[in-house]
Amino acid sequence: MESSDESLVLTPEEVRQLLKISRSVLYSSLKNGTIPSIRISPRKIIIPRERFFEWLNGGGGNNLHPKE
């Protein structure tokens, strides 16, 4: 069994803290698909840990500001 630190999924609050963003930005990003997530019930959203870190390490999607 995996420890809680190695869970297969992250909660929205864990992602919010990792990214240091507001709740409104987080839920907007989850709703529009910017941050990969799975809605498993009307009130429960999970973020697959591996997919989230792949997304983050890949630059966070197409939302990057061009480098100067």
PDB file of N, CA and C in Angstrom:
ATOM      1  N   MET A   1       0.834  -1.183   0.000  1.00  0.00           N
ATOM      2  CA  MET A   1       0.000   0.000   0.000  1.00  0.00           C
ATOM      3  C   MET A   1       0.879   1.247   0.000  1.00  0.00           C
ATOM      4  N   GLU A   2       0.481   2.234  -0.761  1.00  0.00           N
ATOM      5  CA  GLU A   2       1.273   3.460  -0.869  1.00  0.00           C
ATOM      6  C   GLU A   2       0.986   4.394   0.296  1.00  0.00           C
ATOM      7  N   SER A   3       1.982   5.152   0.692  1.00  0.00           N
ATOM      8  CA  SER A   3       1.772   6.150   1.729  1.00  0.00           C
ATOM      9  C   SER A   3       0.986   7.310   1.135  1.00  0.00           C
ATOM     10  N   SER A   4       0.429   8.164   1.979  1.00  0.00           N
ATOM     11  CA  SER A   4      -0.359   9.293   1.493  1.00  0.00           C
ATOM     12  C   SER A   4       0.486  10.259   0.665  1.00  0.00           C
ATOM     13  N   ASP A   5       1.808  10.281   0.900  1.00  0.00           N
ATOM     14  CA  ASP A   5       2.688  11.147   0.124  1.00  0.00           C
ATOM     15  C   ASP A   5       2.845  10.661  -1.307  1.00  0.00           C
ATOM     16  N   GLU A   6       2.540   9.386  -1.540  1.00  0.00           N
ATOM     17  CA  GLU A   6       2.697   8.803  -2.861  1.00  0.00           C
ATOM     18  C   GLU A   6       1.359   8.387  -3.445  1.00  0.00           C
ATOM     19  N   SER A   7       0.300   9.051  -3.066  1.00  0.00           N
ATOM     20  CA  SER A   7      -1.027   8.747  -3.568  1.00  0.00           C
ATOM     21  C   SER A   7      -1.058   8.886  -5.091  1.00  0.00           C
ATOM     22  N   LEU A   8      -1.924   8.128  -5.720  1.00  0.00           N
ATOM     23  CA  LEU A   8      -2.062   8.204  -7.174  1.00  0.00           C
ATOM     24  C   LEU A   8      -2.746   9.487  -7.627  1.00  0.00           C
ATOM     25  N   VAL A   9      -3.434  10.139  -6.704  1.00  0.00           N
ATOM     26  CA  VAL A   9      -4.161  11.363  -7.058  1.00  0.00           C
ATOM     27  C   VAL A   9      -3.857  12.483  -6.089  1.00  0.00           C
ATOM     28  N   LEU A  10      -4.054  13.703  -6.563  1.00  0.00           N
ATOM     29  CA  LEU A  10      -3.943  14.903  -5.741  1.00  0.00           C
ATOM     30  C   LEU A  10      -5.323  15.497  -5.580  1.00  0.00           C
ATOM     31  N   THR A  11      -5.527  16.207  -4.494  1.00  0.00           N
ATOM     32  CA  THR A  11      -6.772  16.945  -4.314  1.00  0.00           C
ATOM     33  C   THR A  11      -6.611  18.332  -4.933  1.00  0.00           C
ATOM     34  N   PRO A  12      -7.724  18.980  -5.247  1.00  0.00           N
ATOM     35  CA  PRO A  12      -7.605  20.355  -5.737  1.00  0.00           C
ATOM     36  C   PRO A  12      -6.827  21.258  -4.771  1.00  0.00           C
ATOM     37  N   GLU A  13      -7.012  21.075  -3.483  1.00  0.00           N
ATOM     38  CA  GLU A  13      -6.290  21.907  -2.506  1.00  0.00           C
ATOM     39  C   GLU A  13      -4.789  21.658  -2.566  1.00  0.00           C
ATOM     40  N   GLU A  14      -4.377  20.415  -2.738  1.00  0.00           N
ATOM     41  CA  GLU A  14      -2.945  20.118  -2.859  1.00  0.00           C
ATOM     42  C   GLU A  14      -2.351  20.782  -4.101  1.00  0.00           C
ATOM     43  N   VAL A  15      -3.093  20.734  -5.209  1.00  0.00           N
ATOM     44  CA  VAL A  15      -2.630  21.365  -6.444  1.00  0.00           C
ATOM     45  C   VAL A  15      -2.569  22.877  -6.264  1.00  0.00           C
ATOM     46  N   ARG A  16      -3.573  23.446  -5.610  1.00  0.00           N
ATOM     47  CA  ARG A  16      -3.595  24.894  -5.372  1.00  0.00           C
ATOM     48  C   ARG A  16      -2.370  25.323  -4.588  1.00  0.00           C
ATOM     49  N   GLN A  17      -2.014  24.560  -3.566  1.00  0.00           N
ATOM     50  CA  GLN A  17      -0.844  24.898  -2.750  1.00  0.00           C
ATOM     51  C   GLN A  17       0.452  24.724  -3.537  1.00  0.00           C
ATOM     52  N   LEU A  18       0.548  23.678  -4.336  1.00  0.00           N
ATOM     53  CA  LEU A  18       1.758  23.469  -5.143  1.00  0.00           C
ATOM     54  C   LEU A  18       1.974  24.605  -6.139  1.00  0.00           C
ATOM     55  N   LEU A  19       0.885  25.055  -6.762  1.00  0.00           N
ATOM     56  CA  LEU A  19       0.991  26.099  -7.785  1.00  0.00           C
ATOM     57  C   LEU A  19       0.939  27.512  -7.209  1.00  0.00           C
ATOM     58  N   LYS A  20       0.576  27.607  -5.933  1.00  0.00           N
ATOM     59  CA  LYS A  20       0.463  28.918  -5.267  1.00  0.00           C
ATOM     60  C   LYS A  20      -0.481  29.846  -6.030  1.00  0.00           C
ATOM     61  N   ILE A  21      -1.703  29.319  -6.281  1.00  0.00           N
ATOM     62  CA  ILE A  21      -2.731  30.091  -6.982  1.00  0.00           C
ATOM     63  C   ILE A  21      -3.978  30.166  -6.115  1.00  0.00           C
ATOM     64  N   SER A  22      -4.862  31.086  -6.447  1.00  0.00           N
ATOM     65  CA  SER A  22      -6.097  31.246  -5.696  1.00  0.00           C
ATOM     66  C   SER A  22      -7.076  30.124  -6.030  1.00  0.00           C
ATOM     67  N   ARG A  23      -8.067  29.957  -5.164  1.00  0.00           N
ATOM     68  CA  ARG A  23      -9.111  28.946  -5.422  1.00  0.00           C
ATOM     69  C   ARG A  23      -9.848  29.240  -6.715  1.00  0.00           C
ATOM     70  N   SER A  24     -10.144  30.517  -6.979  1.00  0.00           N
ATOM     71  CA  SER A  24     -10.901  30.848  -8.191  1.00  0.00           C
ATOM     72  C   SER A  24     -10.107  30.520  -9.450  1.00  0.00           C
ATOM     73  N   VAL A  25      -8.810  30.791  -9.457  1.00  0.00           N
ATOM     74  CA  VAL A  25      -7.963  30.454 -10.608  1.00  0.00           C
ATOM     75  C   VAL A  25      -7.890  28.943 -10.757  1.00  0.00           C
ATOM     76  N   LEU A  26      -7.729  28.232  -9.640  1.00  0.00           N
ATOM     77  CA  LEU A  26      -7.657  26.777  -9.677  1.00  0.00           C
ATOM     78  C   LEU A  26      -8.918  26.191 -10.299  1.00  0.00           C
ATOM     79  N   TYR A  27     -10.085  26.547  -9.755  1.00  0.00           N
ATOM     80  CA  TYR A  27     -11.326  25.931 -10.234  1.00  0.00           C
ATOM     81  C   TYR A  27     -11.661  26.357 -11.659  1.00  0.00           C
ATOM     82  N   SER A  28     -11.289  27.541 -12.048  1.00  0.00           N
ATOM     83  CA  SER A  28     -11.453  27.953 -13.439  1.00  0.00           C
ATOM     84  C   SER A  28     -10.570  27.093 -14.348  1.00  0.00           C
ATOM     85  N   SER A  29      -9.341  26.856 -13.932  1.00  0.00           N
ATOM     86  CA  SER A  29      -8.405  26.046 -14.713  1.00  0.00           C
ATOM     87  C   SER A  29      -8.834  24.585 -14.776  1.00  0.00           C
ATOM     88  N   LEU A  30      -9.419  24.085 -13.703  1.00  0.00           N
ATOM     89  CA  LEU A  30      -9.937  22.717 -13.716  1.00  0.00           C
ATOM     90  C   LEU A  30     -11.148  22.622 -14.639  1.00  0.00           C
ATOM     91  N   LYS A  31     -12.027  23.625 -14.552  1.00  0.00           N
ATOM     92  CA  LYS A  31     -13.259  23.605 -15.353  1.00  0.00           C
ATOM     93  C   LYS A  31     -12.971  23.685 -16.851  1.00  0.00           C
ATOM     94  N   ASN A  32     -12.026  24.523 -17.246  1.00  0.00           N
ATOM     95  CA  ASN A  32     -11.763  24.682 -18.681  1.00  0.00           C
ATOM     96  C   ASN A  32     -10.737  23.673 -19.215  1.00  0.00           C
ATOM     97  N   GLY A  33     -10.239  22.785 -18.345  1.00  0.00           N
ATOM     98  CA  GLY A  33      -9.349  21.725 -18.787  1.00  0.00           C
ATOM     99  C   GLY A  33      -7.883  22.098 -18.853  1.00  0.00           C
ATOM    100  N   THR A  34      -7.540  23.291 -18.404  1.00  0.00           N
ATOM    101  CA  THR A  34      -6.133  23.697 -18.405  1.00  0.00           C
ATOM    102  C   THR A  34      -5.314  22.767 -17.519  1.00  0.00           C
ATOM    103  N   ILE A  35      -5.821  22.486 -16.329  1.00  0.00           N
ATOM    104  CA  ILE A  35      -5.187  21.535 -15.418  1.00  0.00           C
ATOM    105  C   ILE A  35      -5.929  20.209 -15.571  1.00  0.00           C
ATOM    106  N   PRO A  36      -5.214  19.118 -15.865  1.00  0.00           N
ATOM    107  CA  PRO A  36      -5.878  17.828 -16.062  1.00  0.00           C
ATOM    108  C   PRO A  36      -6.546  17.340 -14.773  1.00  0.00           C
ATOM    109  N   SER A  37      -7.805  16.919 -14.892  1.00  0.00           N
ATOM    110  CA  SER A  37      -8.540  16.463 -13.716  1.00  0.00           C
ATOM    111  C   SER A  37      -9.642  15.504 -14.140  1.00  0.00           C
ATOM    112  N   ILE A  38     -10.207  14.843 -13.138  1.00  0.00           N
ATOM    113  CA  ILE A  38     -11.328  13.931 -13.338  1.00  0.00           C
ATOM    114  C   ILE A  38     -12.395  14.294 -12.315  1.00  0.00           C
ATOM    115  N   ARG A  39     -13.613  14.552 -12.788  1.00  0.00           N
ATOM    116  CA  ARG A  39     -14.733  14.801 -11.875  1.00  0.00           C
ATOM    117  C   ARG A  39     -15.396  13.456 -11.640  1.00  0.00           C
ATOM    118  N   ILE A  40     -15.332  12.952 -10.395  1.00  0.00           N
ATOM    119  CA  ILE A  40     -15.892  11.638 -10.113  1.00  0.00           C
ATOM    120  C   ILE A  40     -17.292  11.707  -9.509  1.00  0.00           C
ATOM    121  N   SER A  41     -17.733  12.890  -9.137  1.00  0.00           N
ATOM    122  CA  SER A  41     -19.101  13.135  -8.686  1.00  0.00           C
ATOM    123  C   SER A  41     -19.329  14.642  -8.793  1.00  0.00           C
ATOM    124  N   PRO A  42     -20.560  15.099  -8.608  1.00  0.00           N
ATOM    125  CA  PRO A  42     -20.792  16.549  -8.719  1.00  0.00           C
ATOM    126  C   PRO A  42     -19.951  17.401  -7.764  1.00  0.00           C
ATOM    127  N   ARG A  43     -19.510  16.811  -6.647  1.00  0.00           N
ATOM    128  CA  ARG A  43     -18.757  17.583  -5.662  1.00  0.00           C
ATOM    129  C   ARG A  43     -17.333  17.076  -5.443  1.00  0.00           C
ATOM    130  N   LYS A  44     -16.860  16.150  -6.271  1.00  0.00           N
ATOM    131  CA  LYS A  44     -15.530  15.567  -6.049  1.00  0.00           C
ATOM    132  C   LYS A  44     -14.709  15.588  -7.330  1.00  0.00           C
ATOM    133  N   ILE A  45     -13.555  16.269  -7.263  1.00  0.00           N
ATOM    134  CA  ILE A  45     -12.610  16.347  -8.374  1.00  0.00           C
ATOM    135  C   ILE A  45     -11.292  15.778  -7.882  1.00  0.00           C
ATOM    136  N   ILE A  46     -10.672  14.940  -8.718  1.00  0.00           N
ATOM    137  CA  ILE A  46      -9.343  14.432  -8.400  1.00  0.00           C
ATOM    138  C   ILE A  46      -8.407  14.767  -9.558  1.00  0.00           C
ATOM    139  N   ILE A  47      -7.143  14.875  -9.247  1.00  0.00           N
ATOM    140  CA  ILE A  47      -6.127  15.187 -10.251  1.00  0.00           C
ATOM    141  C   ILE A  47      -5.124  14.039 -10.224  1.00  0.00           C
ATOM    142  N   PRO A  48      -5.045  13.273 -11.321  1.00  0.00           N
ATOM    143  CA  PRO A  48      -4.058  12.182 -11.355  1.00  0.00           C
ATOM    144  C   PRO A  48      -2.642  12.737 -11.193  1.00  0.00           C
ATOM    145  N   ARG A  49      -1.937  12.261 -10.177  1.00  0.00           N
ATOM    146  CA  ARG A  49      -0.620  12.788  -9.819  1.00  0.00           C
ATOM    147  C   ARG A  49       0.353  12.745 -11.000  1.00  0.00           C
ATOM    148  N   GLU A  50       0.487  11.593 -11.645  1.00  0.00           N
ATOM    149  CA  GLU A  50       1.457  11.458 -12.730  1.00  0.00           C
ATOM    150  C   GLU A  50       1.108  12.383 -13.894  1.00  0.00           C
ATOM    151  N   ARG A  51      -0.170  12.435 -14.249  1.00  0.00           N
ATOM    152  CA  ARG A  51      -0.584  13.302 -15.361  1.00  0.00           C
ATOM    153  C   ARG A  51      -0.368  14.780 -15.028  1.00  0.00           C
ATOM    154  N   PHE A  52      -0.646  15.152 -13.768  1.00  0.00           N
ATOM    155  CA  PHE A  52      -0.442  16.537 -13.346  1.00  0.00           C
ATOM    156  C   PHE A  52       1.025  16.932 -13.477  1.00  0.00           C
ATOM    157  N   PHE A  53       1.949  16.083 -12.981  1.00  0.00           N
ATOM    158  CA  PHE A  53       3.361  16.438 -13.039  1.00  0.00           C
ATOM    159  C   PHE A  53       3.903  16.388 -14.464  1.00  0.00           C
ATOM    160  N   GLU A  54       3.365  15.515 -15.299  1.00  0.00           N
ATOM    161  CA  GLU A  54       3.732  15.533 -16.720  1.00  0.00           C
ATOM    162  C   GLU A  54       3.309  16.857 -17.347  1.00  0.00           C
ATOM    163  N   TRP A  55       2.077  17.284 -17.032  1.00  0.00           N
ATOM    164  CA  TRP A  55       1.554  18.562 -17.534  1.00  0.00           C
ATOM    165  C   TRP A  55       2.441  19.712 -17.046  1.00  0.00           C
ATOM    166  N   LEU A  56       2.768  19.715 -15.765  1.00  0.00           N
ATOM    167  CA  LEU A  56       3.565  20.782 -15.178  1.00  0.00           C
ATOM    168  C   LEU A  56       4.976  20.795 -15.763  1.00  0.00           C
ATOM    169  N   ASN A  57       5.615  19.636 -15.874  1.00  0.00           N
ATOM    170  CA  ASN A  57       6.971  19.553 -16.415  1.00  0.00           C
ATOM    171  C   ASN A  57       7.013  19.871 -17.899  1.00  0.00           C
ATOM    172  N   GLY A  58       5.881  19.715 -18.575  1.00  0.00           N
ATOM    173  CA  GLY A  58       5.794  20.055 -19.991  1.00  0.00           C
ATOM    174  C   GLY A  58       5.514  21.524 -20.223  1.00  0.00           C
ATOM    175  N   GLY A  59       5.492  22.315 -19.173  1.00  0.00           N
ATOM    176  CA  GLY A  59       5.282  23.747 -19.309  1.00  0.00           C
ATOM    177  C   GLY A  59       3.882  24.198 -18.973  1.00  0.00           C
ATOM    178  N   GLY A  60       3.033  23.293 -18.513  1.00  0.00           N
ATOM    179  CA  GLY A  60       1.691  23.699 -18.120  1.00  0.00           C
ATOM    180  C   GLY A  60       0.779  23.976 -19.291  1.00  0.00           C
ATOM    181  N   GLY A  61       0.954  23.283 -20.371  1.00  0.00           N
ATOM    182  CA  GLY A  61       0.063  23.469 -21.520  1.00  0.00           C
ATOM    183  C   GLY A  61       0.504  24.613 -22.396  1.00  0.00           C
ATOM    184  N   ASN A  62      -0.442  25.220 -23.072  1.00  0.00           N
ATOM    185  CA  ASN A  62      -0.168  26.289 -24.013  1.00  0.00           C
ATOM    186  C   ASN A  62      -0.323  27.672 -23.399  1.00  0.00           C
ATOM    187  N   ASN A  63      -0.204  27.753 -22.090  1.00  0.00           N
ATOM    188  CA  ASN A  63      -0.472  29.006 -21.391  1.00  0.00           C
ATOM    189  C   ASN A  63       0.783  29.814 -21.100  1.00  0.00           C
ATOM    190  N   LEU A  64       1.898  29.386 -21.617  1.00  0.00           N
ATOM    191  CA  LEU A  64       3.151  30.047 -21.265  1.00  0.00           C
ATOM    192  C   LEU A  64       3.305  31.369 -22.000  1.00  0.00           C
ATOM    193  N   HIS A  65       3.898  32.301 -21.298  1.00  0.00           N
ATOM    194  CA  HIS A  65       4.270  33.555 -21.938  1.00  0.00           C
ATOM    195  C   HIS A  65       5.545  33.304 -22.751  1.00  0.00           C
ATOM    196  N   PRO A  66       5.648  33.847 -23.920  1.00  0.00           N
ATOM    197  CA  PRO A  66       6.867  33.630 -24.691  1.00  0.00           C
ATOM    198  C   PRO A  66       8.078  34.190 -23.970  1.00  0.00           C
ATOM    199  N   LYS A  67       9.183  33.485 -24.079  1.00  0.00           N
ATOM    200  CA  LYS A  67      10.427  33.966 -23.468  1.00  0.00           C
ATOM    201  C   LYS A  67      11.019  35.046 -24.362  1.00  0.00           C
ATOM    202  N   GLU A  68      11.588  36.035 -23.720  1.00  0.00           N
ATOM    203  CA  GLU A  68      12.191  37.130 -24.486  1.00  0.00           C
ATOM    204  C   GLU A  68      13.675  36.952 -24.601  1.00  0.00           C
TER     205      GLU A  68
END
